[in-house]
Protein backbone atom coordinates (compact mmCIF):
# COMPACT_ATOMS: atom_id res chain seq x y z
CA VAL A 1 170.36 -52.17 47.94
CA GLN A 2 169.75 -51.40 44.29
CA LEU A 3 168.01 -54.63 43.23
CA GLN A 4 166.07 -57.16 45.30
CA ALA A 5 165.05 -60.47 43.76
CA SER A 6 162.39 -62.79 45.11
CA GLY A 7 160.07 -65.60 44.10
CA GLY A 8 162.37 -68.58 44.00
CA GLY A 9 161.49 -71.87 45.57
CA LEU A 10 160.99 -75.57 45.06
CA VAL A 11 158.78 -76.69 42.19
CA GLN A 12 158.17 -79.95 40.40
CA ALA A 13 159.24 -80.44 36.83
CA GLY A 14 156.61 -79.06 34.49
CA GLY A 15 155.55 -76.45 37.00
CA SER A 16 155.80 -72.67 36.96
CA LEU A 17 157.33 -69.89 39.01
CA ARG A 18 157.40 -66.14 38.68
CA LEU A 19 160.43 -64.26 39.85
CA SER A 20 160.30 -60.59 40.75
CA CYS A 21 163.02 -58.02 41.10
CA VAL A 22 162.39 -54.62 42.61
CA ALA A 23 164.95 -52.00 41.67
CA SER A 24 165.64 -48.51 42.86
CA MET A 25 163.83 -45.95 40.75
CA PHE A 26 167.16 -44.27 40.02
CA ILE A 27 168.61 -47.37 38.41
CA PHE A 28 165.42 -48.75 36.87
CA SER A 29 164.56 -45.53 35.03
CA ARG A 30 168.07 -45.17 33.60
CA ALA A 31 169.00 -48.73 32.81
CA THR A 32 169.69 -49.45 29.17
CA THR A 33 169.25 -53.16 29.79
CA ILE A 34 167.57 -55.12 32.54
CA GLY A 35 167.67 -58.84 32.72
CA TRP A 36 167.89 -62.16 34.45
CA TYR A 37 170.89 -64.45 34.68
CA ARG A 38 171.32 -67.77 36.38
CA GLN A 39 174.13 -69.82 37.79
CA ALA A 40 173.85 -73.54 38.32
CA PRO A 41 176.23 -75.42 40.64
CA GLY A 42 179.63 -75.79 39.03
CA LYS A 43 178.68 -73.69 36.02
CA GLN A 44 179.25 -70.16 34.89
CA ARG A 45 176.61 -67.50 35.16
CA GLU A 46 174.56 -67.33 31.98
CA LEU A 47 172.01 -64.99 30.48
CA VAL A 48 168.39 -66.07 30.78
CA ALA A 49 166.55 -63.09 29.29
CA ALA A 50 166.93 -59.35 28.87
CA ILE A 51 164.91 -56.30 27.94
CA HIS A 52 166.64 -53.38 26.28
CA SER A 53 165.65 -49.74 26.51
CA VAL A 54 164.58 -49.73 22.87
CA GLY A 55 161.98 -52.34 23.77
CA THR A 56 163.57 -55.43 22.33
CA THR A 57 164.01 -58.64 24.28
CA ASN A 58 166.32 -61.56 23.92
CA TYR A 59 166.33 -65.01 25.46
CA ALA A 60 168.78 -67.82 25.81
CA GLU A 61 167.88 -70.49 23.31
CA SER A 62 166.88 -73.08 25.89
CA MET A 63 164.44 -70.65 27.54
CA LYS A 64 162.62 -69.48 24.42
CA GLY A 65 158.95 -70.32 24.55
CA ARG A 66 159.09 -71.25 28.23
CA PHE A 67 160.27 -68.07 29.97
CA THR A 68 158.93 -64.54 29.61
CA ILE A 69 160.62 -61.40 30.85
CA SER A 70 158.57 -58.30 31.54
CA ARG A 71 158.72 -55.02 33.41
CA ASP A 72 156.36 -52.75 35.29
CA ASN A 73 157.80 -49.25 35.21
CA ALA A 74 155.27 -47.94 37.72
CA LYS A 75 156.56 -50.45 40.26
CA ASN A 76 160.24 -50.37 39.24
CA THR A 77 159.96 -54.12 38.97
CA MET A 78 161.00 -56.73 36.45
CA TYR A 79 159.57 -60.22 36.27
CA LEU A 80 160.54 -63.58 34.91
CA GLN A 81 157.67 -65.96 34.29
CA MET A 82 159.01 -69.47 34.04
CA ASN A 83 156.81 -72.24 32.70
CA SER A 84 157.43 -75.89 31.87
CA LEU A 85 160.33 -75.96 34.27
CA LYS A 86 162.93 -78.67 33.94
CA SER A 87 165.42 -80.05 36.42
CA GLU A 88 168.19 -78.38 34.45
CA ASP A 89 166.62 -75.00 35.26
CA THR A 90 167.74 -75.45 38.87
CA ALA A 91 170.01 -72.52 39.65
CA ILE A 92 170.36 -69.28 41.50
CA TYR A 93 168.66 -66.59 39.46
CA TYR A 94 170.02 -63.06 39.52
CA CYS A 95 168.44 -59.89 38.23
CA SER A 96 170.59 -57.15 36.79
CA ALA A 97 170.36 -53.63 35.50
CA THR A 98 172.94 -51.88 33.38
CA TRP A 99 173.54 -48.13 33.42
CA ARG A 100 177.17 -47.10 33.16
CA SER A 101 177.86 -50.24 35.17
CA THR A 102 176.00 -53.46 35.82
CA TYR A 103 174.16 -53.81 39.11
CA TRP A 104 173.15 -57.19 40.52
CA GLY A 105 170.48 -58.42 42.84
CA GLN A 106 171.32 -60.91 45.55
CA GLY A 107 169.94 -63.96 43.75
CA THR A 108 167.01 -66.24 44.41
CA LEU A 109 167.25 -70.02 44.37
CA VAL A 110 165.06 -72.03 42.05
CA THR A 111 165.02 -75.79 42.57
CA VAL A 112 163.17 -77.99 40.12
CA SER A 113 162.59 -81.54 41.26
CA SER A 114 162.18 -84.30 38.72
């Protein structure tokens, strides 16, 4: 397994969650981009946030100011801090790392109750 996501769960609207994704050192140290995507029921997978090897980050518009992506190179781990959660944030969240190809974690379910 190259990427392992965790941290999902049930939270009330307005609450917070932090997702974690542990990657293999081989992939994490070489990835040009690491990021989080999500897929809600009946919808396509969409980008949540990404960090690029040059240090820049980008966020989907609806997540700006609420979500923060970060990485800990010593732990080969990426994080997604999610604050002010809304019911529309309910989805399966996937971590990914891109190096020659894109690798995906197994997904972690986030359910936001209103």
